[in-house]
């Protein structure tokens, strides 16, 4: 989320924009296009760019691809990008609880 603050007391207002992470984001993987709309898709990338932690529910149609991409993404987010964690869940695993997320995305 971007927030702007404007000082109206001055003839030349000081305008600043800040990126404010809102909190954890849930992403549900799609059955089609396992790379574009799943673990490493746009919703996950957007959440990480906003410095929000991400919980991804992998689609059961491609668990191997999801696991491989999830490992790479978790490593990159931790070591290279220095952003919030990425948690990958598979069918039957718990992790999505009502009210735990500020945003939800998926394919």
Protein backbone atom coordinates (compact mmCIF):
# COMPACT_ATOMS: atom_id res chain seq x y z
CA UNK A 1 0.00 0.00 0.00
CA UNK A 2 1.30 3.43 -0.83
CA UNK A 3 0.61 6.30 1.50
CA UNK A 4 1.12 9.97 0.73
CA UNK A 5 1.48 12.78 3.24
CA UNK A 6 0.94 16.39 2.20
CA UNK A 7 1.81 19.37 4.39
CA UNK A 8 -0.88 21.94 3.50
CA UNK A 9 0.56 24.63 5.80
CA UNK A 10 3.24 25.62 3.30
CA UNK A 11 3.03 27.35 -0.08
CA UNK A 12 5.40 24.63 -1.36
CA UNK A 13 3.98 21.45 0.18
CA UNK A 14 6.35 18.61 1.03
CA UNK A 15 4.88 15.51 -0.63
CA UNK A 16 6.28 12.10 0.29
CA UNK A 17 5.24 8.59 -0.66
CA UNK A 18 5.93 5.57 1.53
CA UNK A 19 5.40 1.86 0.94
CA UNK A 20 3.60 0.31 3.90
CA UNK A 21 3.28 -3.49 4.11
CA UNK A 22 -0.23 -4.39 5.23
CA UNK A 23 0.41 -7.94 6.46
CA UNK A 24 0.23 -11.57 5.32
CA UNK A 25 -1.15 -12.40 1.88
CA UNK A 26 -2.75 -15.72 0.88
CA UNK A 27 -2.30 -16.95 -2.68
CA UNK A 28 -4.17 -19.93 -4.15
CA UNK A 29 -2.35 -21.69 -6.98
CA UNK A 30 -4.08 -22.21 -10.31
CA UNK A 31 -4.44 -25.55 -12.09
CA UNK A 32 -3.38 -24.04 -15.40
CA UNK A 33 -0.14 -22.14 -15.95
CA UNK A 34 1.71 -23.36 -12.82
CA UNK A 35 4.43 -20.73 -13.20
CA UNK A 36 2.45 -17.63 -14.15
CA UNK A 37 -0.54 -17.98 -11.83
CA UNK A 38 0.73 -20.09 -8.97
CA UNK A 39 3.65 -20.16 -6.57
CA UNK A 40 5.77 -17.60 -8.43
CA UNK A 41 2.91 -15.75 -10.09
CA UNK A 42 2.04 -12.09 -10.15
CA UNK A 43 0.06 -12.12 -6.89
CA UNK A 44 3.02 -13.56 -5.01
CA UNK A 45 5.45 -11.15 -6.67
CA UNK A 46 3.23 -8.18 -5.84
CA UNK A 47 2.96 -9.20 -2.20
CA UNK A 48 6.72 -9.69 -1.89
CA UNK A 49 7.36 -6.35 -3.60
CA UNK A 50 5.21 -4.76 -0.90
CA UNK A 51 7.31 -6.58 1.73
CA UNK A 52 4.39 -8.74 2.86
CA UNK A 53 4.82 -12.37 3.93
CA UNK A 54 3.09 -14.83 1.60
CA UNK A 55 1.34 -18.16 2.20
CA UNK A 56 0.78 -20.06 -1.05
CA UNK A 57 -1.64 -22.99 -1.34
CA UNK A 58 -0.19 -25.08 -4.16
CA UNK A 59 -2.62 -26.64 -6.61
CA UNK A 60 -2.77 -30.43 -6.42
CA UNK A 61 -2.44 -30.74 -10.22
CA UNK A 62 1.28 -29.90 -10.14
CA UNK A 63 2.81 -30.53 -6.69
CA UNK A 64 6.33 -31.19 -8.01
CA UNK A 65 6.53 -27.94 -9.96
CA UNK A 66 5.05 -26.05 -7.02
CA UNK A 67 7.58 -27.50 -4.60
CA UNK A 68 10.55 -26.80 -6.86
CA UNK A 69 9.48 -23.21 -7.57
CA UNK A 70 8.49 -22.68 -3.92
CA UNK A 71 11.94 -23.70 -2.69
CA UNK A 72 13.66 -21.38 -5.17
CA UNK A 73 11.33 -18.53 -4.30
CA UNK A 74 11.74 -18.98 -0.54
CA UNK A 75 15.52 -19.03 -0.89
CA UNK A 76 15.54 -15.95 -3.13
CA UNK A 77 13.16 -14.03 -0.88
CA UNK A 78 15.31 -14.78 2.15
CA UNK A 79 18.82 -14.43 0.71
CA UNK A 80 18.58 -12.11 -2.27
CA UNK A 81 15.44 -10.01 -2.03
CA UNK A 82 15.41 -9.54 1.75
CA UNK A 83 11.61 -9.61 1.88
CA UNK A 84 8.99 -11.42 3.92
CA UNK A 85 8.89 -15.20 4.07
CA UNK A 86 7.14 -17.47 1.58
CA UNK A 87 5.30 -20.48 3.02
CA UNK A 88 4.10 -23.18 0.63
CA UNK A 89 1.21 -25.45 1.64
CA UNK A 90 -0.03 -28.58 -0.11
CA UNK A 91 -3.43 -30.28 -0.13
CA UNK A 92 -4.47 -31.26 3.38
CA UNK A 93 -2.03 -28.93 5.16
CA UNK A 94 -3.49 -26.24 7.38
CA UNK A 95 -2.43 -22.63 7.30
CA UNK A 96 -5.37 -20.64 6.01
CA UNK A 97 -7.48 -19.43 8.89
CA UNK A 98 -10.26 -16.88 8.73
CA UNK A 99 -9.07 -13.35 9.40
CA UNK A 100 -5.36 -14.22 9.20
CA UNK A 101 -4.71 -12.44 5.90
CA UNK A 102 -5.08 -8.88 4.69
CA UNK A 103 -5.27 -9.85 1.01
CA UNK A 104 -6.02 -12.94 -1.07
CA UNK A 105 -4.96 -13.67 -4.64
CA UNK A 106 -4.86 -16.59 -6.99
CA UNK A 107 -5.31 -17.91 -10.43
